[in-house]
PDB file of all heavy atoms in Angstrom:
ATOM      1  N   THR A   1       6.416 -51.378-110.529  1.00  0.00           N
ATOM      2  CA  THR A   1       6.524 -51.591-109.096  1.00  0.00           C
ATOM      3  C   THR A   1       7.306 -50.462-108.434  1.00  0.00           C
ATOM      4  O   THR A   1       8.309 -49.989-108.980  1.00  0.00           O
ATOM      5  CB  THR A   1       7.202 -52.935-108.792  1.00  0.00           C
ATOM      6  OG1 THR A   1       6.432 -53.997-109.375  1.00  0.00           O
ATOM      7  CG2 THR A   1       7.308 -53.171-107.296  1.00  0.00           C
ATOM      8  N   VAL A   2       6.830 -50.040-107.277  1.00  0.00           N
ATOM      9  CA  VAL A   2       7.518 -49.080-106.420  1.00  0.00           C
ATOM     10  C   VAL A   2       7.935 -49.803-105.151  1.00  0.00           C
ATOM     11  O   VAL A   2       7.192 -50.649-104.631  1.00  0.00           O
ATOM     12  CB  VAL A   2       6.620 -47.874-106.099  1.00  0.00           C
ATOM     13  CG1 VAL A   2       7.286 -46.960-105.074  1.00  0.00           C
ATOM     14  CG2 VAL A   2       6.307 -47.101-107.362  1.00  0.00           C
ATOM     15  N   TYR A   3       9.106 -49.460-104.639  1.00  0.00           N
ATOM     16  CA  TYR A   3       9.654 -50.103-103.456  1.00  0.00           C
ATOM     17  C   TYR A   3       9.900 -49.082-102.355  1.00  0.00           C
ATOM     18  O   TYR A   3      10.125 -47.901-102.610  1.00  0.00           O
ATOM     19  CB  TYR A   3      10.985 -50.788-103.775  1.00  0.00           C
ATOM     20  CG  TYR A   3      10.904 -51.792-104.889  1.00  0.00           C
ATOM     21  CD1 TYR A   3      11.236 -51.444-106.192  1.00  0.00           C
ATOM     22  CD2 TYR A   3      10.493 -53.097-104.643  1.00  0.00           C
ATOM     23  CE1 TYR A   3      11.164 -52.363-107.220  1.00  0.00           C
ATOM     24  CE2 TYR A   3      10.417 -54.020-105.671  1.00  0.00           C
ATOM     25  CZ  TYR A   3      10.752 -53.652-106.956  1.00  0.00           C
ATOM     26  OH  TYR A   3      10.678 -54.575-107.975  1.00  0.00           O
ATOM     27  N   LEU A   4       9.865 -49.561-101.135  1.00  0.00           N
ATOM     28  CA  LEU A   4      10.298 -48.777 -99.993  1.00  0.00           C
ATOM     29  C   LEU A   4      11.241 -49.643 -99.169  1.00  0.00           C
ATOM     30  O   LEU A   4      10.804 -50.574 -98.490  1.00  0.00           O
ATOM     31  CB  LEU A   4       9.119 -48.308 -99.136  1.00  0.00           C
ATOM     32  CG  LEU A   4       9.478 -47.361 -97.996  1.00  0.00           C
ATOM     33  CD1 LEU A   4       9.950 -46.012 -98.549  1.00  0.00           C
ATOM     34  CD2 LEU A   4       8.298 -47.165 -97.049  1.00  0.00           C
ATOM     35  N   GLN A   5      12.529 -49.360 -99.267  1.00  0.00           N
ATOM     36  CA  GLN A   5      13.532 -50.043 -98.470  1.00  0.00           C
ATOM     37  C   GLN A   5      13.620 -49.346 -97.125  1.00  0.00           C
ATOM     38  O   GLN A   5      13.897 -48.145 -97.060  1.00  0.00           O
ATOM     39  CB  GLN A   5      14.890 -50.021 -99.170  1.00  0.00           C
ATOM     40  CG  GLN A   5      16.008 -50.673 -98.374  1.00  0.00           C
ATOM     41  CD  GLN A   5      15.823 -52.162 -98.219  1.00  0.00           C
ATOM     42  OE1 GLN A   5      15.505 -52.846 -99.193  1.00  0.00           O
ATOM     43  NE2 GLN A   5      16.004 -52.676 -97.013  1.00  0.00           N
ATOM     44  N   MET A   6      13.382 -50.079 -96.055  1.00  0.00           N
ATOM     45  CA  MET A   6      13.344 -49.525 -94.711  1.00  0.00           C
ATOM     46  C   MET A   6      14.458 -50.158 -93.892  1.00  0.00           C
ATOM     47  O   MET A   6      14.443 -51.367 -93.642  1.00  0.00           O
ATOM     48  CB  MET A   6      11.982 -49.769 -94.056  1.00  0.00           C
ATOM     49  CG  MET A   6      10.812 -49.267 -94.889  1.00  0.00           C
ATOM     50  SD  MET A   6       9.223 -49.442 -94.033  1.00  0.00           S
ATOM     51  CE  MET A   6       9.132 -51.226 -93.886  1.00  0.00           C
ATOM     52  N   ASN A   7      15.407 -49.348 -93.475  1.00  0.00           N
ATOM     53  CA  ASN A   7      16.529 -49.794 -92.661  1.00  0.00           C
ATOM     54  C   ASN A   7      16.477 -49.124 -91.297  1.00  0.00           C
ATOM     55  O   ASN A   7      15.801 -48.124 -91.107  1.00  0.00           O
ATOM     56  CB  ASN A   7      17.856 -49.468 -93.349  1.00  0.00           C
ATOM     57  CG  ASN A   7      18.023 -50.148 -94.684  1.00  0.00           C
ATOM     58  OD1 ASN A   7      17.558 -51.267 -94.889  1.00  0.00           O
ATOM     59  ND2 ASN A   7      18.706 -49.477 -95.604  1.00  0.00           N
ATOM     60  N   SER A   8      17.221 -49.683 -90.362  1.00  0.00           N
ATOM     61  CA  SER A   8      17.305 -49.130 -89.003  1.00  0.00           C
ATOM     62  C   SER A   8      15.923 -48.862 -88.431  1.00  0.00           C
ATOM     63  O   SER A   8      15.639 -47.795 -87.888  1.00  0.00           O
ATOM     64  CB  SER A   8      18.146 -47.847 -89.000  1.00  0.00           C
ATOM     65  OG  SER A   8      19.448 -48.101 -89.486  1.00  0.00           O
ATOM     66  N   LEU A   9      15.061 -49.843 -88.544  1.00  0.00           N
ATOM     67  CA  LEU A   9      13.672 -49.667 -88.135  1.00  0.00           C
ATOM     68  C   LEU A   9      13.548 -49.450 -86.635  1.00  0.00           C
ATOM     69  O   LEU A   9      14.307 -50.016 -85.838  1.00  0.00           O
ATOM     70  CB  LEU A   9      12.845 -50.867 -88.571  1.00  0.00           C
ATOM     71  CG  LEU A   9      12.494 -50.879 -90.058  1.00  0.00           C
ATOM     72  CD1 LEU A   9      12.079 -52.267 -90.507  1.00  0.00           C
ATOM     73  CD2 LEU A   9      11.375 -49.871 -90.344  1.00  0.00           C
ATOM     74  N   LYS A  10      12.584 -48.614 -86.285  1.00  0.00           N
ATOM     75  CA  LYS A  10      12.293 -48.269 -84.901  1.00  0.00           C
ATOM     76  C   LYS A  10      10.871 -48.690 -84.558  1.00  0.00           C
ATOM     77  O   LYS A  10      10.023 -48.798 -85.444  1.00  0.00           O
ATOM     78  CB  LYS A  10      12.424 -46.752 -84.694  1.00  0.00           C
ATOM     79  CG  LYS A  10      13.747 -46.156 -85.125  1.00  0.00           C
ATOM     80  CD  LYS A  10      13.696 -44.639 -85.015  1.00  0.00           C
ATOM     81  CE  LYS A  10      14.994 -44.008 -85.450  1.00  0.00           C
ATOM     82  NZ  LYS A  10      14.932 -42.525 -85.365  1.00  0.00           N
ATOM     83  N   PRO A  11      10.574 -48.899 -83.276  1.00  0.00           N
ATOM     84  CA  PRO A  11       9.183 -49.204 -82.905  1.00  0.00           C
ATOM     85  C   PRO A  11       8.188 -48.157 -83.393  1.00  0.00           C
ATOM     86  O   PRO A  11       7.051 -48.511 -83.725  1.00  0.00           O
ATOM     87  CB  PRO A  11       9.242 -49.260 -81.375  1.00  0.00           C
ATOM     88  CG  PRO A  11      10.623 -49.732 -81.087  1.00  0.00           C
ATOM     89  CD  PRO A  11      11.493 -49.067 -82.136  1.00  0.00           C
ATOM     90  N   ASP A  12       8.593 -46.892 -83.471  1.00  0.00           N
ATOM     91  CA  ASP A  12       7.701 -45.842 -83.955  1.00  0.00           C
ATOM     92  C   ASP A  12       7.365 -45.985 -85.437  1.00  0.00           C
ATOM     93  O   ASP A  12       6.467 -45.312 -85.930  1.00  0.00           O
ATOM     94  CB  ASP A  12       8.311 -44.461 -83.715  1.00  0.00           C
ATOM     95  CG  ASP A  12       8.217 -44.014 -82.267  1.00  0.00           C
ATOM     96  OD1 ASP A  12       7.511 -44.665 -81.479  1.00  0.00           O
ATOM     97  OD2 ASP A  12       8.851 -42.993 -81.921  1.00  0.00           O
ATOM     98  N   ASP A  13       8.084 -46.833 -86.156  1.00  0.00           N
ATOM     99  CA  ASP A  13       7.764 -47.098 -87.551  1.00  0.00           C
ATOM    100  C   ASP A  13       6.603 -48.075 -87.703  1.00  0.00           C
ATOM    101  O   ASP A  13       6.136 -48.299 -88.827  1.00  0.00           O
ATOM    102  CB  ASP A  13       8.984 -47.655 -88.291  1.00  0.00           C
ATOM    103  CG  ASP A  13      10.124 -46.663 -88.368  1.00  0.00           C
ATOM    104  OD1 ASP A  13       9.872 -45.465 -88.598  1.00  0.00           O
ATOM    105  OD2 ASP A  13      11.288 -47.098 -88.209  1.00  0.00           O
ATOM    106  N   THR A  14       6.155 -48.670 -86.611  1.00  0.00           N
ATOM    107  CA  THR A  14       5.040 -49.609 -86.662  1.00  0.00           C
ATOM    108  C   THR A  14       3.793 -48.917 -87.192  1.00  0.00           C
ATOM    109  O   THR A  14       3.359 -47.895 -86.656  1.00  0.00           O
ATOM    110  CB  THR A  14       4.769 -50.195 -85.275  1.00  0.00           C
ATOM    111  OG1 THR A  14       5.893 -50.981 -84.866  1.00  0.00           O
ATOM    112  CG2 THR A  14       3.531 -51.077 -85.289  1.00  0.00           C
ATOM    113  N   ALA A  15       3.222 -49.461 -88.259  1.00  0.00           N
ATOM    114  CA  ALA A  15       2.070 -48.847 -88.911  1.00  0.00           C
ATOM    115  C   ALA A  15       1.627 -49.740 -90.058  1.00  0.00           C
ATOM    116  O   ALA A  15       2.329 -50.681 -90.440  1.00  0.00           O
ATOM    117  CB  ALA A  15       2.413 -47.456 -89.451  1.00  0.00           C
ATOM    118  N   VAL A  16       0.463 -49.433 -90.599  1.00  0.00           N
ATOM    119  CA  VAL A  16       0.061 -49.976 -91.886  1.00  0.00           C
ATOM    120  C   VAL A  16       0.600 -49.037 -92.955  1.00  0.00           C
ATOM    121  O   VAL A  16       0.352 -47.828 -92.904  1.00  0.00           O
ATOM    122  CB  VAL A  16      -1.461 -50.121 -92.010  1.00  0.00           C
ATOM    123  CG1 VAL A  16      -1.843 -50.629 -93.399  1.00  0.00           C
ATOM    124  CG2 VAL A  16      -1.993 -51.065 -90.937  1.00  0.00           C
ATOM    125  N   TYR A  17       1.322 -49.584 -93.905  1.00  0.00           N
ATOM    126  CA  TYR A  17       1.939 -48.795 -94.962  1.00  0.00           C
ATOM    127  C   TYR A  17       1.128 -48.927 -96.243  1.00  0.00           C
ATOM    128  O   TYR A  17       0.772 -50.035 -96.654  1.00  0.00           O
ATOM    129  CB  TYR A  17       3.378 -49.248 -95.201  1.00  0.00           C
ATOM    130  CG  TYR A  17       4.326 -48.755 -94.137  1.00  0.00           C
ATOM    131  CD1 TYR A  17       4.288 -49.287 -92.852  1.00  0.00           C
ATOM    132  CD2 TYR A  17       5.244 -47.742 -94.409  1.00  0.00           C
ATOM    133  CE1 TYR A  17       5.135 -48.818 -91.860  1.00  0.00           C
ATOM    134  CE2 TYR A  17       6.097 -47.273 -93.424  1.00  0.00           C
ATOM    135  CZ  TYR A  17       6.039 -47.817 -92.148  1.00  0.00           C
ATOM    136  OH  TYR A  17       6.887 -47.349 -91.178  1.00  0.00           O
ATOM    137  N   TYR A  18       0.841 -47.788 -96.869  1.00  0.00           N
ATOM    138  CA  TYR A  18       0.025 -47.720 -98.068  1.00  0.00           C
ATOM    139  C   TYR A  18       0.800 -47.073 -99.200  1.00  0.00           C
ATOM    140  O   TYR A  18       1.474 -46.064 -98.985  1.00  0.00           O
ATOM    141  CB  TYR A  18      -1.229 -46.878 -97.836  1.00  0.00           C
ATOM    142  CG  TYR A  18      -2.154 -47.376 -96.752  1.00  0.00           C
ATOM    143  CD1 TYR A  18      -1.990 -46.978 -95.435  1.00  0.00           C
ATOM    144  CD2 TYR A  18      -3.203 -48.235 -97.064  1.00  0.00           C
ATOM    145  CE1 TYR A  18      -2.843 -47.431 -94.445  1.00  0.00           C
ATOM    146  CE2 TYR A  18      -4.060 -48.687 -96.075  1.00  0.00           C
ATOM    147  CZ  TYR A  18      -3.880 -48.277 -94.769  1.00  0.00           C
ATOM    148  OH  TYR A  18      -4.732 -48.717 -93.793  1.00  0.00           O
ATOM    149  N   CYS A  19       0.671 -47.609-100.401  1.00  0.00           N
ATOM    150  CA  CYS A  19       1.180 -46.896-101.565  1.00  0.00           C
ATOM    151  C   CYS A  19       0.058 -46.092-102.193  1.00  0.00           C
ATOM    152  O   CYS A  19      -1.126 -46.415-102.059  1.00  0.00           O
ATOM    153  CB  CYS A  19       1.843 -47.830-102.583  1.00  0.00           C
ATOM    154  SG  CYS A  19       0.768 -49.052-103.339  1.00  0.00           S
ATOM    155  N   ASN A  20       0.442 -45.022-102.874  1.00  0.00           N
ATOM    156  CA  ASN A  20      -0.517 -44.069-103.411  1.00  0.00           C
ATOM    157  C   ASN A  20      -0.058 -43.572-104.768  1.00  0.00           C
ATOM    158  O   ASN A  20       1.120 -43.295-104.976  1.00  0.00           O
ATOM    159  CB  ASN A  20      -0.668 -42.890-102.440  1.00  0.00           C
ATOM    160  CG  ASN A  20      -1.314 -41.672-103.089  1.00  0.00           C
ATOM    161  OD1 ASN A  20      -0.615 -40.741-103.484  1.00  0.00           O
ATOM    162  ND2 ASN A  20      -2.629 -41.689-103.193  1.00  0.00           N
ATOM    163  N   ARG A  21      -1.010 -43.473-105.684  1.00  0.00           N
ATOM    164  CA  ARG A  21      -0.820 -42.771-106.941  1.00  0.00           C
ATOM    165  C   ARG A  21      -2.058 -41.943-107.209  1.00  0.00           C
ATOM    166  O   ARG A  21      -3.128 -42.489-107.502  1.00  0.00           O
ATOM    167  CB  ARG A  21      -0.570 -43.723-108.109  1.00  0.00           C
ATOM    168  CG  ARG A  21       0.000 -43.001-109.330  1.00  0.00           C
ATOM    169  CD  ARG A  21      -0.146 -43.773-110.615  1.00  0.00           C
ATOM    170  NE  ARG A  21      -1.469 -43.616-111.195  1.00  0.00           N
ATOM    171  CZ  ARG A  21      -1.763 -43.867-112.466  1.00  0.00           C
ATOM    172  NH1 ARG A  21      -0.825 -44.321-113.282  1.00  0.00           N
ATOM    173  NH2 ARG A  21      -3.002 -43.703-112.903  1.00  0.00           N
ATOM    174  N   GLY A  22      -1.936 -40.634-107.089  1.00  0.00           N
ATOM    175  CA  GLY A  22      -3.072 -39.764-107.270  1.00  0.00           C
ATOM    176  C   GLY A  22      -4.163 -40.080-106.263  1.00  0.00           C
ATOM    177  O   GLY A  22      -3.951 -40.038-105.048  1.00  0.00           O
ATOM    178  N   PHE A  23      -5.344 -40.426-106.778  1.00  0.00           N
ATOM    179  CA  PHE A  23      -6.470 -40.765-105.916  1.00  0.00           C
ATOM    180  C   PHE A  23      -6.580 -42.253-105.624  1.00  0.00           C
ATOM    181  O   PHE A  23      -7.538 -42.686-104.969  1.00  0.00           O
ATOM    182  CB  PHE A  23      -7.774 -40.273-106.540  1.00  0.00           C
ATOM    183  CG  PHE A  23      -7.829 -38.790-106.738  1.00  0.00           C
ATOM    184  CD1 PHE A  23      -7.805 -38.242-108.006  1.00  0.00           C
ATOM    185  CD2 PHE A  23      -7.894 -37.942-105.649  1.00  0.00           C
ATOM    186  CE1 PHE A  23      -7.850 -36.869-108.188  1.00  0.00           C
ATOM    187  CE2 PHE A  23      -7.942 -36.564-105.819  1.00  0.00           C
ATOM    188  CZ  PHE A  23      -7.917 -36.031-107.091  1.00  0.00           C
ATOM    189  N   SER A  24      -5.615 -43.058-106.068  1.00  0.00           N
ATOM    190  CA  SER A  24      -5.656 -44.499-105.878  1.00  0.00           C
ATOM    191  C   SER A  24      -4.776 -44.914-104.716  1.00  0.00           C
ATOM    192  O   SER A  24      -3.672 -44.397-104.537  1.00  0.00           O
ATOM    193  CB  SER A  24      -5.200 -45.215-107.153  1.00  0.00           C
ATOM    194  OG  SER A  24      -6.066 -44.933-108.233  1.00  0.00           O
ATOM    195  N   TRP A  25      -5.276 -45.877-103.939  1.00  0.00           N
ATOM    196  CA  TRP A  25      -4.573 -46.398-102.774  1.00  0.00           C
ATOM    197  C   TRP A  25      -4.563 -47.910-102.794  1.00  0.00           C
ATOM    198  O   TRP A  25      -5.523 -48.541-103.246  1.00  0.00           O
ATOM    199  CB  TRP A  25      -5.248 -45.944-101.472  1.00  0.00           C
ATOM    200  CG  TRP A  25      -5.203 -44.475-101.248  1.00  0.00           C
ATOM    201  CD1 TRP A  25      -6.072 -43.545-101.730  1.00  0.00           C
ATOM    202  CD2 TRP A  25      -4.231 -43.758-100.489  1.00  0.00           C
ATOM    203  NE1 TRP A  25      -5.702 -42.290-101.313  1.00  0.00           N
ATOM    204  CE2 TRP A  25      -4.579 -42.384-100.547  1.00  0.00           C
ATOM    205  CE3 TRP A  25      -3.115 -44.140 -99.760  1.00  0.00           C
ATOM    206  CZ2 TRP A  25      -3.842 -41.405 -99.911  1.00  0.00           C
ATOM    207  CZ3 TRP A  25      -2.369 -43.156 -99.118  1.00  0.00           C
ATOM    208  CH2 TRP A  25      -2.741 -41.811 -99.199  1.00  0.00           C
ATOM    209  N   GLY A  26      -3.486 -48.489-102.291  1.00  0.00           N
ATOM    210  CA  GLY A  26      -3.461 -49.918-102.077  1.00  0.00           C
ATOM    211  C   GLY A  26      -4.188 -50.301-100.806  1.00  0.00           C
ATOM    212  O   GLY A  26      -4.713 -49.447-100.068  1.00  0.00           O
ATOM    213  N   GLN A  27      -4.231 -51.594-100.526  1.00  0.00           N
ATOM    214  CA  GLN A  27      -4.953 -52.100 -99.358  1.00  0.00           C
ATOM    215  C   GLN A  27      -4.149 -51.982 -98.071  1.00  0.00           C
ATOM    216  O   GLN A  27      -4.711 -52.120 -96.983  1.00  0.00           O
ATOM    217  CB  GLN A  27      -5.353 -53.565 -99.587  1.00  0.00           C
ATOM    218  CG  GLN A  27      -4.290 -54.606 -99.236  1.00  0.00           C
ATOM    219  CD  GLN A  27      -3.100 -54.630-100.190  1.00  0.00           C
ATOM    220  OE1 GLN A  27      -3.144 -54.056-101.278  1.00  0.00           O
ATOM    221  NE2 GLN A  27      -2.035 -55.312 -99.785  1.00  0.00           N
ATOM    222  N   GLY A  28      -2.860 -51.746 -98.176  1.00  0.00           N
ATOM    223  CA  GLY A  28      -1.986 -51.603 -97.029  1.00  0.00           C
ATOM    224  C   GLY A  28      -1.297 -52.895 -96.657  1.00  0.00           C
ATOM    225  O   GLY A  28      -1.806 -53.992 -96.890  1.00  0.00           O
ATOM    226  N   THR A  29      -0.117 -52.761 -96.063  1.00  0.00           N
ATOM    227  CA  THR A  29       0.615 -53.896 -95.539  1.00  0.00           C
ATOM    228  C   THR A  29       1.154 -53.532 -94.156  1.00  0.00           C
ATOM    229  O   THR A  29       1.674 -52.437 -93.944  1.00  0.00           O
ATOM    230  CB  THR A  29       1.751 -54.330 -96.493  1.00  0.00           C
ATOM    231  OG1 THR A  29       2.368 -55.525 -96.015  1.00  0.00           O
ATOM    232  CG2 THR A  29       2.804 -53.239 -96.660  1.00  0.00           C
ATOM    233  N   GLN A  30       0.987 -54.444 -93.217  1.00  0.00           N
ATOM    234  CA  GLN A  30       1.330 -54.171 -91.825  1.00  0.00           C
ATOM    235  C   GLN A  30       2.826 -54.325 -91.597  1.00  0.00           C
ATOM    236  O   GLN A  30       3.426 -55.336 -91.970  1.00  0.00           O
ATOM    237  CB  GLN A  30       0.574 -55.129 -90.895  1.00  0.00           C
ATOM    238  CG  GLN A  30       0.937 -54.990 -89.419  1.00  0.00           C
ATOM    239  CD  GLN A  30       0.417 -53.719 -88.803  1.00  0.00           C
ATOM    240  OE1 GLN A  30      -0.762 -53.393 -88.954  1.00  0.00           O
ATOM    241  NE2 GLN A  30       1.286 -52.984 -88.111  1.00  0.00           N
ATOM    242  N   VAL A  31       3.413 -53.328 -90.953  1.00  0.00           N
ATOM    243  CA  VAL A  31       4.799 -53.381 -90.500  1.00  0.00           C
ATOM    244  C   VAL A  31       4.791 -53.236 -88.983  1.00  0.00           C
ATOM    245  O   VAL A  31       4.261 -52.259 -88.448  1.00  0.00           O
ATOM    246  CB  VAL A  31       5.654 -52.276 -91.135  1.00  0.00           C
ATOM    247  CG1 VAL A  31       7.039 -52.222 -90.491  1.00  0.00           C
ATOM    248  CG2 VAL A  31       5.761 -52.496 -92.638  1.00  0.00           C
ATOM    249  N   THR A  32       5.369 -54.206 -88.296  1.00  0.00           N
ATOM    250  CA  THR A  32       5.454 -54.170 -86.846  1.00  0.00           C
ATOM    251  C   THR A  32       6.910 -54.292 -86.436  1.00  0.00           C
ATOM    252  O   THR A  32       7.589 -55.257 -86.815  1.00  0.00           O
ATOM    253  CB  THR A  32       4.640 -55.303 -86.208  1.00  0.00           C
ATOM    254  OG1 THR A  32       3.273 -55.207 -86.623  1.00  0.00           O
ATOM    255  CG2 THR A  32       4.712 -55.225 -84.689  1.00  0.00           C
ATOM    256  N   VAL A  33       7.386 -53.318 -85.677  1.00  0.00           N
ATOM    257  CA  VAL A  33       8.772 -53.289 -85.221  1.00  0.00           C
ATOM    258  C   VAL A  33       8.768 -53.465 -83.708  1.00  0.00           C
ATOM    259  O   VAL A  33       8.208 -52.643 -82.979  1.00  0.00           O
ATOM    260  CB  VAL A  33       9.474 -51.982 -85.610  1.00  0.00           C
ATOM    261  CG1 VAL A  33      10.941 -52.031 -85.200  1.00  0.00           C
ATOM    262  CG2 VAL A  33       9.338 -51.738 -87.110  1.00  0.00           C
ATOM    263  N   SER A  34       9.384 -54.519 -83.236  1.00  0.00           N
ATOM    264  CA  SER A  34       9.434 -54.810 -81.817  1.00  0.00           C
ATOM    265  C   SER A  34      10.733 -54.303 -81.215  1.00  0.00           C
ATOM    266  O   SER A  34      11.758 -54.181 -81.897  1.00  0.00           O
ATOM    267  CB  SER A  34       9.289 -56.311 -81.571  1.00  0.00           C
ATOM    268  OG  SER A  34      10.391 -57.023 -82.109  1.00  0.00           O
TER     269      SER A  34
END
């Protein structure tokens, strides 16, 4: 497992976040910062 700890989040961080290894990608997880 790989982690991304995100602190002090800003509205500009709003995005779908994807993990990547080489040519492989995950399905993405939505992060919304209000």
